Amino acid sequence: MTREQLLLELQHDNFVMLRSSPVHGIGVFAIKDIAKGCRTIFSKGVGEWIKLSYAEVEKLPLHSRQHIETYCLYDDENYFVPDYGFKLMDLVLYLNHSSAPNIMS
């Protein structure tokens, strides 16, 4: 990203911030209105999601399991872990699951 692109993104595509939350300790909060269908709230392809089975995750050290269980998406059989690990934290990792979501990834 160039300097000019960064300035444009900061001016137009900066929608959320992390703040303390009484529900989960840290939450993602909108700092301006987000139009329905907006996709620029999410990161621009910083990496891929790698599928790890529950059995693979269970063999990892406790601290790694806790990161995955806290921050990663999952389905009936797998977790989806960012290929850059947890040395870089994307705001999207802080989005909470909801039975009545107001955002889709």
PDB file of N, CA and C in Angstrom:
ATOM      1  N   MET A   1       0.846  -1.165   0.000  1.00  0.00           N
ATOM      2  CA  MET A   1       0.000   0.000   0.000  1.00  0.00           C
ATOM      3  C   MET A   1       0.901   1.239   0.000  1.00  0.00           C
ATOM      4  N   THR A   2       0.555   2.171  -0.844  1.00  0.00           N
ATOM      5  CA  THR A   2       1.325   3.410  -0.894  1.00  0.00           C
ATOM      6  C   THR A   2       0.881   4.358   0.217  1.00  0.00           C
ATOM      7  N   ARG A   3       1.643   5.402   0.408  1.00  0.00           N
ATOM      8  CA  ARG A   3       1.304   6.428   1.404  1.00  0.00           C
ATOM      9  C   ARG A   3      -0.066   7.037   1.084  1.00  0.00           C
ATOM     10  N   GLU A   4      -0.314   7.333  -0.195  1.00  0.00           N
ATOM     11  CA  GLU A   4      -1.575   7.933  -0.618  1.00  0.00           C
ATOM     12  C   GLU A   4      -2.743   6.977  -0.389  1.00  0.00           C
ATOM     13  N   GLN A   5      -2.541   5.697  -0.701  1.00  0.00           N
ATOM     14  CA  GLN A   5      -3.587   4.701  -0.467  1.00  0.00           C
ATOM     15  C   GLN A   5      -3.894   4.568   1.019  1.00  0.00           C
ATOM     16  N   LEU A   6      -2.863   4.596   1.843  1.00  0.00           N
ATOM     17  CA  LEU A   6      -3.060   4.522   3.290  1.00  0.00           C
ATOM     18  C   LEU A   6      -3.879   5.709   3.785  1.00  0.00           C
ATOM     19  N   LEU A   7      -3.544   6.906   3.331  1.00  0.00           N
ATOM     20  CA  LEU A   7      -4.296   8.091   3.750  1.00  0.00           C
ATOM     21  C   LEU A   7      -5.763   8.000   3.327  1.00  0.00           C
ATOM     22  N   LEU A   8      -6.029   7.510   2.112  1.00  0.00           N
ATOM     23  CA  LEU A   8      -7.409   7.328   1.659  1.00  0.00           C
ATOM     24  C   LEU A   8      -8.140   6.297   2.512  1.00  0.00           C
ATOM     25  N   GLU A   9      -7.466   5.195   2.811  1.00  0.00           N
ATOM     26  CA  GLU A   9      -8.091   4.167   3.641  1.00  0.00           C
ATOM     27  C   GLU A   9      -8.410   4.703   5.034  1.00  0.00           C
ATOM     28  N   LEU A  10      -7.483   5.420   5.623  1.00  0.00           N
ATOM     29  CA  LEU A  10      -7.715   5.984   6.954  1.00  0.00           C
ATOM     30  C   LEU A  10      -8.847   7.008   6.942  1.00  0.00           C
ATOM     31  N   GLN A  11      -9.031   7.678   5.811  1.00  0.00           N
ATOM     32  CA  GLN A  11     -10.091   8.675   5.712  1.00  0.00           C
ATOM     33  C   GLN A  11     -11.454   8.042   5.450  1.00  0.00           C
ATOM     34  N   HIS A  12     -11.504   6.991   4.622  1.00  0.00           N
ATOM     35  CA  HIS A  12     -12.791   6.457   4.169  1.00  0.00           C
ATOM     36  C   HIS A  12     -13.129   5.052   4.662  1.00  0.00           C
ATOM     37  N   ASP A  13     -12.143   4.226   4.942  1.00  0.00           N
ATOM     38  CA  ASP A  13     -12.402   2.813   5.232  1.00  0.00           C
ATOM     39  C   ASP A  13     -11.981   2.395   6.632  1.00  0.00           C
ATOM     40  N   ASN A  14     -12.014   3.287   7.571  1.00  0.00           N
ATOM     41  CA  ASN A  14     -11.668   2.975   8.959  1.00  0.00           C
ATOM     42  C   ASN A  14     -12.971   2.966   9.753  1.00  0.00           C
ATOM     43  N   PHE A  15     -13.535   1.776  10.004  1.00  0.00           N
ATOM     44  CA  PHE A  15     -14.887   1.648  10.532  1.00  0.00           C
ATOM     45  C   PHE A  15     -14.977   1.218  11.991  1.00  0.00           C
ATOM     46  N   VAL A  16     -13.980   0.507  12.482  1.00  0.00           N
ATOM     47  CA  VAL A  16     -14.098  -0.090  13.815  1.00  0.00           C
ATOM     48  C   VAL A  16     -12.837   0.129  14.636  1.00  0.00           C
ATOM     49  N   MET A  17     -13.001  -0.076  15.941  1.00  0.00           N
ATOM     50  CA  MET A  17     -11.852  -0.034  16.846  1.00  0.00           C
ATOM     51  C   MET A  17     -12.084  -1.038  17.965  1.00  0.00           C
ATOM     52  N   LEU A  18     -11.010  -1.429  18.621  1.00  0.00           N
ATOM     53  CA  LEU A  18     -11.108  -2.302  19.785  1.00  0.00           C
ATOM     54  C   LEU A  18     -11.282  -1.441  21.022  1.00  0.00           C
ATOM     55  N   ARG A  19     -12.203  -1.869  21.895  1.00  0.00           N
ATOM     56  CA  ARG A  19     -12.410  -1.200  23.182  1.00  0.00           C
ATOM     57  C   ARG A  19     -12.716  -2.270  24.215  1.00  0.00           C
ATOM     58  N   SER A  20     -12.622  -1.897  25.465  1.00  0.00           N
ATOM     59  CA  SER A  20     -12.989  -2.852  26.505  1.00  0.00           C
ATOM     60  C   SER A  20     -14.488  -3.110  26.416  1.00  0.00           C
ATOM     61  N   SER A  21     -14.866  -4.340  26.716  1.00  0.00           N
ATOM     62  CA  SER A  21     -16.252  -4.774  26.609  1.00  0.00           C
ATOM     63  C   SER A  21     -16.651  -5.497  27.882  1.00  0.00           C
ATOM     64  N   PRO A  22     -17.808  -5.186  28.441  1.00  0.00           N
ATOM     65  CA  PRO A  22     -18.253  -5.902  29.633  1.00  0.00           C
ATOM     66  C   PRO A  22     -18.621  -7.355  29.332  1.00  0.00           C
ATOM     67  N   VAL A  23     -18.815  -7.690  28.063  1.00  0.00           N
ATOM     68  CA  VAL A  23     -19.229  -9.046  27.690  1.00  0.00           C
ATOM     69  C   VAL A  23     -18.040  -9.995  27.607  1.00  0.00           C
ATOM     70  N   HIS A  24     -17.010  -9.621  26.818  1.00  0.00           N
ATOM     71  CA  HIS A  24     -15.878 -10.525  26.586  1.00  0.00           C
ATOM     72  C   HIS A  24     -14.520  -9.889  26.856  1.00  0.00           C
ATOM     73  N   GLY A  25     -14.486  -8.777  27.545  1.00  0.00           N
ATOM     74  CA  GLY A  25     -13.210  -8.142  27.862  1.00  0.00           C
ATOM     75  C   GLY A  25     -12.740  -7.173  26.801  1.00  0.00           C
ATOM     76  N   ILE A  26     -12.693  -7.623  25.546  1.00  0.00           N
ATOM     77  CA  ILE A  26     -12.330  -6.769  24.415  1.00  0.00           C
ATOM     78  C   ILE A  26     -13.356  -7.009  23.321  1.00  0.00           C
ATOM     79  N   GLY A  27     -13.828  -5.940  22.714  1.00  0.00           N
ATOM     80  CA  GLY A  27     -14.808  -6.076  21.650  1.00  0.00           C
ATOM     81  C   GLY A  27     -14.511  -5.139  20.504  1.00  0.00           C
ATOM     82  N   VAL A  28     -15.163  -5.400  19.373  1.00  0.00           N
ATOM     83  CA  VAL A  28     -15.047  -4.561  18.188  1.00  0.00           C
ATOM     84  C   VAL A  28     -16.249  -3.625  18.181  1.00  0.00           C
ATOM     85  N   PHE A  29     -15.992  -2.329  18.094  1.00  0.00           N
ATOM     86  CA  PHE A  29     -17.052  -1.328  18.128  1.00  0.00           C
ATOM     87  C   PHE A  29     -16.964  -0.440  16.895  1.00  0.00           C
ATOM     88  N   ALA A  30     -18.129  -0.152  16.296  1.00  0.00           N
ATOM     89  CA  ALA A  30     -18.178   0.744  15.142  1.00  0.00           C
ATOM     90  C   ALA A  30     -17.839   2.159  15.589  1.00  0.00           C
ATOM     91  N   ILE A  31     -17.047   2.853  14.780  1.00  0.00           N
ATOM     92  CA  ILE A  31     -16.723   4.250  15.075  1.00  0.00           C
ATOM     93  C   ILE A  31     -17.416   5.183  14.086  1.00  0.00           C
ATOM     94  N   LYS A  32     -18.094   4.597  13.095  1.00  0.00           N
ATOM     95  CA  LYS A  32     -18.938   5.362  12.180  1.00  0.00           C
ATOM     96  C   LYS A  32     -19.917   4.386  11.547  1.00  0.00           C
ATOM     97  N   ASP A  33     -20.950   4.913  10.898  1.00  0.00           N
ATOM     98  CA  ASP A  33     -21.944   4.057  10.267  1.00  0.00           C
ATOM     99  C   ASP A  33     -21.282   3.178   9.207  1.00  0.00           C
ATOM    100  N   ILE A  34     -21.758   1.931   9.132  1.00  0.00           N
ATOM    101  CA  ILE A  34     -21.246   0.968   8.159  1.00  0.00           C
ATOM    102  C   ILE A  34     -22.410   0.583   7.257  1.00  0.00           C
ATOM    103  N   ALA A  35     -22.295   0.880   5.981  1.00  0.00           N
ATOM    104  CA  ALA A  35     -23.372   0.602   5.035  1.00  0.00           C
ATOM    105  C   ALA A  35     -23.574  -0.900   4.868  1.00  0.00           C
ATOM    106  N   LYS A  36     -24.819  -1.305   4.672  1.00  0.00           N
ATOM    107  CA  LYS A  36     -25.125  -2.706   4.411  1.00  0.00           C
ATOM    108  C   LYS A  36     -24.328  -3.167   3.189  1.00  0.00           C
ATOM    109  N   GLY A  37     -23.707  -4.339   3.306  1.00  0.00           N
ATOM    110  CA  GLY A  37     -22.927  -4.895   2.204  1.00  0.00           C
ATOM    111  C   GLY A  37     -21.490  -4.409   2.129  1.00  0.00           C
ATOM    112  N   CYS A  38     -21.095  -3.532   3.027  1.00  0.00           N
ATOM    113  CA  CYS A  38     -19.723  -3.008   3.032  1.00  0.00           C
ATOM    114  C   CYS A  38     -18.734  -4.150   3.263  1.00  0.00           C
ATOM    115  N   ARG A  39     -17.736  -4.266   2.400  1.00  0.00           N
ATOM    116  CA  ARG A  39     -16.725  -5.314   2.547  1.00  0.00           C
ATOM    117  C   ARG A  39     -15.368  -4.740   2.947  1.00  0.00           C
ATOM    118  N   THR A  40     -15.209  -3.428   2.917  1.00  0.00           N
ATOM    119  CA  THR A  40     -13.907  -2.840   3.227  1.00  0.00           C
ATOM    120  C   THR A  40     -13.649  -2.740   4.726  1.00  0.00           C
ATOM    121  N   ILE A  41     -14.594  -3.215   5.537  1.00  0.00           N
ATOM    122  CA  ILE A  41     -14.359  -3.278   6.984  1.00  0.00           C
ATOM    123  C   ILE A  41     -13.282  -4.320   7.294  1.00  0.00           C
ATOM    124  N   PHE A  42     -13.158  -5.321   6.424  1.00  0.00           N
ATOM    125  CA  PHE A  42     -12.225  -6.416   6.653  1.00  0.00           C
ATOM    126  C   PHE A  42     -10.859  -6.130   6.033  1.00  0.00           C
ATOM    127  N   SER A  43      -9.859  -6.837   6.504  1.00  0.00           N
ATOM    128  CA  SER A  43      -8.500  -6.680   5.987  1.00  0.00           C
ATOM    129  C   SER A  43      -8.427  -7.075   4.523  1.00  0.00           C
ATOM    130  N   LYS A  44      -7.427  -6.541   3.865  1.00  0.00           N
ATOM    131  CA  LYS A  44      -7.231  -6.817   2.446  1.00  0.00           C
ATOM    132  C   LYS A  44      -6.251  -7.963   2.265  1.00  0.00           C
ATOM    133  N   GLY A  45      -6.711  -9.176   2.450  1.00  0.00           N
ATOM    134  CA  GLY A  45      -5.914 -10.340   2.130  1.00  0.00           C
ATOM    135  C   GLY A  45      -4.552 -10.417   2.772  1.00  0.00           C
ATOM    136  N   VAL A  46      -4.496 -10.326   4.088  1.00  0.00           N
ATOM    137  CA  VAL A  46      -3.201 -10.432   4.751  1.00  0.00           C
ATOM    138  C   VAL A  46      -2.709 -11.866   4.808  1.00  0.00           C
ATOM    139  N   GLY A  47      -3.532 -12.808   4.449  1.00  0.00           N
ATOM    140  CA  GLY A  47      -3.116 -14.199   4.486  1.00  0.00           C
ATOM    141  C   GLY A  47      -4.272 -15.127   4.188  1.00  0.00           C
ATOM    142  N   GLU A  48      -4.016 -16.397   4.327  1.00  0.00           N
ATOM    143  CA  GLU A  48      -5.022 -17.424   4.096  1.00  0.00           C
ATOM    144  C   GLU A  48      -5.406 -18.057   5.425  1.00  0.00           C
ATOM    145  N   TRP A  49      -6.525 -18.761   5.426  1.00  0.00           N
ATOM    146  CA  TRP A  49      -6.959 -19.517   6.601  1.00  0.00           C
ATOM    147  C   TRP A  49      -6.584 -20.976   6.386  1.00  0.00           C
ATOM    148  N   ILE A  50      -5.897 -21.558   7.347  1.00  0.00           N
ATOM    149  CA  ILE A  50      -5.492 -22.961   7.265  1.00  0.00           C
ATOM    150  C   ILE A  50      -6.411 -23.779   8.155  1.00  0.00           C
ATOM    151  N   LYS A  51      -6.930 -24.867   7.580  1.00  0.00           N
ATOM    152  CA  LYS A  51      -7.846 -25.737   8.300  1.00  0.00           C
ATOM    153  C   LYS A  51      -7.050 -26.692   9.190  1.00  0.00           C
ATOM    154  N   LEU A  52      -7.314 -26.662  10.502  1.00  0.00           N
ATOM    155  CA  LEU A  52      -6.707 -27.600  11.450  1.00  0.00           C
ATOM    156  C   LEU A  52      -7.819 -28.373  12.136  1.00  0.00           C
ATOM    157  N   SER A  53      -7.694 -29.689  12.154  1.00  0.00           N
ATOM    158  CA  SER A  53      -8.720 -30.512  12.799  1.00  0.00           C
ATOM    159  C   SER A  53      -8.684 -30.308  14.306  1.00  0.00           C
ATOM    160  N   TYR A  54      -9.785 -30.646  14.956  1.00  0.00           N
ATOM    161  CA  TYR A  54      -9.827 -30.570  16.421  1.00  0.00           C
ATOM    162  C   TYR A  54      -8.725 -31.432  17.026  1.00  0.00           C
ATOM    163  N   ALA A  55      -8.467 -32.603  16.427  1.00  0.00           N
ATOM    164  CA  ALA A  55      -7.425 -33.504  16.944  1.00  0.00           C
ATOM    165  C   ALA A  55      -6.043 -32.854  16.849  1.00  0.00           C
ATOM    166  N   GLU A  56      -5.763 -32.156  15.754  1.00  0.00           N
ATOM    167  CA  GLU A  56      -4.471 -31.472  15.611  1.00  0.00           C
ATOM    168  C   GLU A  56      -4.315 -30.366  16.648  1.00  0.00           C
ATOM    169  N   VAL A  57      -5.376 -29.618  16.863  1.00  0.00           N
ATOM    170  CA  VAL A  57      -5.330 -28.521  17.833  1.00  0.00           C
ATOM    171  C   VAL A  57      -5.159 -29.069  19.244  1.00  0.00           C
ATOM    172  N   GLU A  58      -5.798 -30.169  19.533  1.00  0.00           N
ATOM    173  CA  GLU A  58      -5.715 -30.773  20.872  1.00  0.00           C
ATOM    174  C   GLU A  58      -4.277 -31.155  21.232  1.00  0.00           C
ATOM    175  N   LYS A  59      -3.444 -31.451  20.246  1.00  0.00           N
ATOM    176  CA  LYS A  59      -2.050 -31.841  20.494  1.00  0.00           C
ATOM    177  C   LYS A  59      -1.123 -30.644  20.732  1.00  0.00           C
ATOM    178  N   LEU A  60      -1.612 -29.439  20.531  1.00  0.00           N
ATOM    179  CA  LEU A  60      -0.786 -28.234  20.687  1.00  0.00           C
ATOM    180  C   LEU A  60      -0.659 -27.845  22.156  1.00  0.00           C
ATOM    181  N   PRO A  61       0.334 -27.037  22.509  1.00  0.00           N
ATOM    182  CA  PRO A  61       0.456 -26.555  23.889  1.00  0.00           C
ATOM    183  C   PRO A  61      -0.791 -25.749  24.281  1.00  0.00           C
ATOM    184  N   LEU A  62      -1.078 -25.718  25.558  1.00  0.00           N
ATOM    185  CA  LEU A  62      -2.274 -25.052  26.071  1.00  0.00           C
ATOM    186  C   LEU A  62      -2.390 -23.613  25.572  1.00  0.00           C
ATOM    187  N   HIS A  63      -1.306 -22.846  25.623  1.00  0.00           N
ATOM    188  CA  HIS A  63      -1.391 -21.439  25.209  1.00  0.00           C
ATOM    189  C   HIS A  63      -1.782 -21.305  23.736  1.00  0.00           C
ATOM    190  N   SER A  64      -1.321 -22.211  22.890  1.00  0.00           N
ATOM    191  CA  SER A  64      -1.688 -22.174  21.474  1.00  0.00           C
ATOM    192  C   SER A  64      -3.145 -22.577  21.283  1.00  0.00           C
ATOM    193  N   ARG A  65      -3.587 -23.600  22.008  1.00  0.00           N
ATOM    194  CA  ARG A  65      -5.001 -24.007  21.945  1.00  0.00           C
ATOM    195  C   ARG A  65      -5.902 -22.854  22.369  1.00  0.00           C
ATOM    196  N   GLN A  66      -5.515 -22.147  23.426  1.00  0.00           N
ATOM    197  CA  GLN A  66      -6.336 -21.034  23.908  1.00  0.00           C
ATOM    198  C   GLN A  66      -6.441 -19.925  22.862  1.00  0.00           C
ATOM    199  N   HIS A  67      -5.349 -19.619  22.179  1.00  0.00           N
ATOM    200  CA  HIS A  67      -5.410 -18.626  21.099  1.00  0.00           C
ATOM    201  C   HIS A  67      -6.402 -19.070  20.026  1.00  0.00           C
ATOM    202  N   ILE A  68      -6.282 -20.302  19.587  1.00  0.00           N
ATOM    203  CA  ILE A  68      -7.133 -20.814  18.516  1.00  0.00           C
ATOM    204  C   ILE A  68      -8.587 -20.841  18.958  1.00  0.00           C
ATOM    205  N   GLU A  69      -8.867 -21.361  20.148  1.00  0.00           N
ATOM    206  CA  GLU A  69     -10.244 -21.465  20.635  1.00  0.00           C
ATOM    207  C   GLU A  69     -10.873 -20.093  20.868  1.00  0.00           C
ATOM    208  N   THR A  70     -10.067 -19.105  21.194  1.00  0.00           N
ATOM    209  CA  THR A  70     -10.582 -17.762  21.468  1.00  0.00           C
ATOM    210  C   THR A  70     -10.787 -16.944  20.198  1.00  0.00           C
ATOM    211  N   TYR A  71      -9.875 -17.039  19.236  1.00  0.00           N
ATOM    212  CA  TYR A  71      -9.869 -16.097  18.123  1.00  0.00           C
ATOM    213  C   TYR A  71     -10.237 -16.668  16.758  1.00  0.00           C
ATOM    214  N   CYS A  72     -10.334 -17.977  16.608  1.00  0.00           N
ATOM    215  CA  CYS A  72     -10.497 -18.539  15.267  1.00  0.00           C
ATOM    216  C   CYS A  72     -11.907 -19.042  14.994  1.00  0.00           C
ATOM    217  N   LEU A  73     -12.273 -18.962  13.727  1.00  0.00           N
ATOM    218  CA  LEU A  73     -13.535 -19.537  13.282  1.00  0.00           C
ATOM    219  C   LEU A  73     -13.431 -21.052  13.327  1.00  0.00           C
ATOM    220  N   TYR A  74     -14.582 -21.708  13.387  1.00  0.00           N
ATOM    221  CA  TYR A  74     -14.597 -23.168  13.422  1.00  0.00           C
ATOM    222  C   TYR A  74     -15.898 -23.682  12.836  1.00  0.00           C
ATOM    223  N   ASP A  75     -15.891 -24.956  12.488  1.00  0.00           N
ATOM    224  CA  ASP A  75     -17.111 -25.643  12.077  1.00  0.00           C
ATOM    225  C   ASP A  75     -17.205 -26.928  12.883  1.00  0.00           C
ATOM    226  N   ASP A  76     -17.923 -27.923  12.401  1.00  0.00           N
ATOM    227  CA  ASP A  76     -18.119 -29.160  13.161  1.00  0.00           C
ATOM    228  C   ASP A  76     -16.847 -29.976  13.344  1.00  0.00           C
ATOM    229  N   GLU A  77     -15.850 -29.792  12.489  1.00  0.00           N
ATOM    230  CA  GLU A  77     -14.659 -30.641  12.531  1.00  0.00           C
ATOM    231  C   GLU A  77     -13.333 -29.888  12.619  1.00  0.00           C
ATOM    232  N   ASN A  78     -13.313 -28.617  12.244  1.00  0.00           N
ATOM    233  CA  ASN A  78     -12.045 -27.903  12.094  1.00  0.00           C
ATOM    234  C   ASN A  78     -12.079 -26.490  12.656  1.00  0.00           C
ATOM    235  N   TYR A  79     -10.895 -26.006  12.970  1.00  0.00           N
ATOM    236  CA  TYR A  79     -10.671 -24.590  13.228  1.00  0.00           C
ATOM    237  C   TYR A  79     -10.032 -24.008  11.978  1.00  0.00           C
ATOM    238  N   PHE A  80     -10.225 -22.716  11.743  1.00  0.00           N
ATOM    239  CA  PHE A  80      -9.614 -22.023  10.618  1.00  0.00           C
ATOM    240  C   PHE A  80      -8.654 -20.991  11.202  1.00  0.00           C
ATOM    241  N   VAL A  81      -7.364 -21.260  11.032  1.00  0.00           N
ATOM    242  CA  VAL A  81      -6.304 -20.496  11.689  1.00  0.00           C
ATOM    243  C   VAL A  81      -5.576 -19.651  10.641  1.00  0.00           C
ATOM    244  N   PRO A  82      -5.326 -18.370  10.939  1.00  0.00           N
ATOM    245  CA  PRO A  82      -4.615 -17.551   9.957  1.00  0.00           C
ATOM    246  C   PRO A  82      -3.203 -18.082   9.722  1.00  0.00           C
ATOM    247  N   ASP A  83      -2.778 -18.069   8.455  1.00  0.00           N
ATOM    248  CA  ASP A  83      -1.461 -18.636   8.127  1.00  0.00           C
ATOM    249  C   ASP A  83      -0.307 -17.827   8.707  1.00  0.00           C
ATOM    250  N   TYR A  84      -0.561 -16.636   9.195  1.00  0.00           N
ATOM    251  CA  TYR A  84       0.490 -15.834   9.831  1.00  0.00           C
ATOM    252  C   TYR A  84       0.534 -16.061  11.337  1.00  0.00           C
ATOM    253  N   GLY A  85      -0.271 -17.007  11.836  1.00  0.00           N
ATOM    254  CA  GLY A  85      -0.263 -17.325  13.264  1.00  0.00           C
ATOM    255  C   GLY A  85      -0.859 -16.205  14.091  1.00  0.00           C
ATOM    256  N   PHE A  86      -0.265 -15.933  15.241  1.00  0.00           N
ATOM    257  CA  PHE A  86      -0.810 -14.914  16.140  1.00  0.00           C
ATOM    258  C   PHE A  86       0.201 -13.808  16.443  1.00  0.00           C
ATOM    259  N   LYS A  87       1.184 -13.669  15.578  1.00  0.00           N
ATOM    260  CA  LYS A  87       2.149 -12.583  15.751  1.00  0.00           C
ATOM    261  C   LYS A  87       1.619 -11.287  15.154  1.00  0.00           C
ATOM    262  N   LEU A  88       0.588 -11.403  14.364  1.00  0.00           N
ATOM    263  CA  LEU A  88      -0.102 -10.268  13.770  1.00  0.00           C
ATOM    264  C   LEU A  88      -1.575 -10.461  14.091  1.00  0.00           C
ATOM    265  N   MET A  89      -2.192  -9.504  14.740  1.00  0.00           N
ATOM    266  CA  MET A  89      -3.597  -9.664  15.123  1.00  0.00           C
ATOM    267  C   MET A  89      -4.463  -8.745  14.270  1.00  0.00           C
ATOM    268  N   ASP A  90      -5.366  -9.324  13.532  1.00  0.00           N
ATOM    269  CA  ASP A  90      -6.303  -8.617  12.683  1.00  0.00           C
ATOM    270  C   ASP A  90      -7.556  -8.306  13.506  1.00  0.00           C
ATOM    271  N   LEU A  91      -8.140  -7.134  13.315  1.00  0.00           N
ATOM    272  CA  LEU A  91      -9.361  -6.785  14.051  1.00  0.00           C
ATOM    273  C   LEU A  91     -10.466  -7.816  13.852  1.00  0.00           C
ATOM    274  N   VAL A  92     -10.498  -8.458  12.689  1.00  0.00           N
ATOM    275  CA  VAL A  92     -11.544  -9.437  12.417  1.00  0.00           C
ATOM    276  C   VAL A  92     -11.491 -10.612  13.404  1.00  0.00           C
ATOM    277  N   LEU A  93     -10.329 -10.887  13.993  1.00  0.00           N
ATOM    278  CA  LEU A  93     -10.223 -11.975  14.964  1.00  0.00           C
ATOM    279  C   LEU A  93     -10.990 -11.678  16.248  1.00  0.00           C
ATOM    280  N   TYR A  94     -11.332 -10.423  16.475  1.00  0.00           N
ATOM    281  CA  TYR A  94     -12.044 -10.044  17.691  1.00  0.00           C
ATOM    282  C   TYR A  94     -13.559 -10.038  17.527  1.00  0.00           C
ATOM    283  N   LEU A  95     -14.059 -10.297  16.331  1.00  0.00           N
ATOM    284  CA  LEU A  95     -15.506 -10.349  16.142  1.00  0.00           C
ATOM    285  C   LEU A  95     -16.060 -11.558  16.871  1.00  0.00           C
ATOM    286  N   ASN A  96     -17.135 -11.356  17.600  1.00  0.00           N
ATOM    287  CA  ASN A  96     -17.732 -12.432  18.387  1.00  0.00           C
ATOM    288  C   ASN A  96     -18.815 -13.152  17.602  1.00  0.00           C
ATOM    289  N   HIS A  97     -19.012 -14.413  17.924  1.00  0.00           N
ATOM    290  CA  HIS A  97     -20.114 -15.180  17.365  1.00  0.00           C
ATOM    291  C   HIS A  97     -21.414 -14.667  17.958  1.00  0.00           C
ATOM    292  N   SER A  98     -22.465 -14.678  17.154  1.00  0.00           N
ATOM    293  CA  SER A  98     -23.780 -14.284  17.645  1.00  0.00           C
ATOM    294  C   SER A  98     -24.836 -15.120  16.947  1.00  0.00           C
ATOM    295  N   SER A  99     -25.880 -15.487  17.681  1.00  0.00           N
ATOM    296  CA  SER A  99     -27.007 -16.192  17.071  1.00  0.00           C
ATOM    297  C   SER A  99     -27.845 -15.236  16.233  1.00  0.00           C
ATOM    298  N   ALA A 100     -27.714 -13.944  16.496  1.00  0.00           N
ATOM    299  CA  ALA A 100     -28.407 -12.909  15.725  1.00  0.00           C
ATOM    300  C   ALA A 100     -27.361 -11.891  15.254  1.00  0.00           C
ATOM    301  N   PRO A 101     -26.497 -12.267  14.299  1.00  0.00           N
ATOM    302  CA  PRO A 101     -25.385 -11.396  13.907  1.00  0.00           C
ATOM    303  C   PRO A 101     -25.848 -10.124  13.205  1.00  0.00           C
ATOM    304  N   ASN A 102     -25.051  -9.073  13.365  1.00  0.00           N
ATOM    305  CA  ASN A 102     -25.300  -7.842  12.621  1.00  0.00           C
ATOM    306  C   ASN A 102     -24.175  -7.583  11.618  1.00  0.00           C
ATOM    307  N   ILE A 103     -23.329  -8.591  11.409  1.00  0.00           N
ATOM    308  CA  ILE A 103     -22.245  -8.512  10.427  1.00  0.00           C
ATOM    309  C   ILE A 103     -21.930  -9.930   9.950  1.00  0.00           C
ATOM    310  N   MET A 104     -21.540 -10.062   8.671  1.00  0.00           N
ATOM    311  CA  MET A 104     -21.146 -11.358   8.119  1.00  0.00           C
ATOM    312  C   MET A 104     -19.755 -11.230   7.538  1.00  0.00           C
ATOM    313  N   SER A 105     -18.933 -12.272   7.697  1.00  0.00           N
ATOM    314  CA  SER A 105     -17.596 -12.245   7.097  1.00  0.00           C
ATOM    315  C   SER A 105     -17.596 -12.976   5.779  1.00  0.00           C
TER     316      SER A 105
END
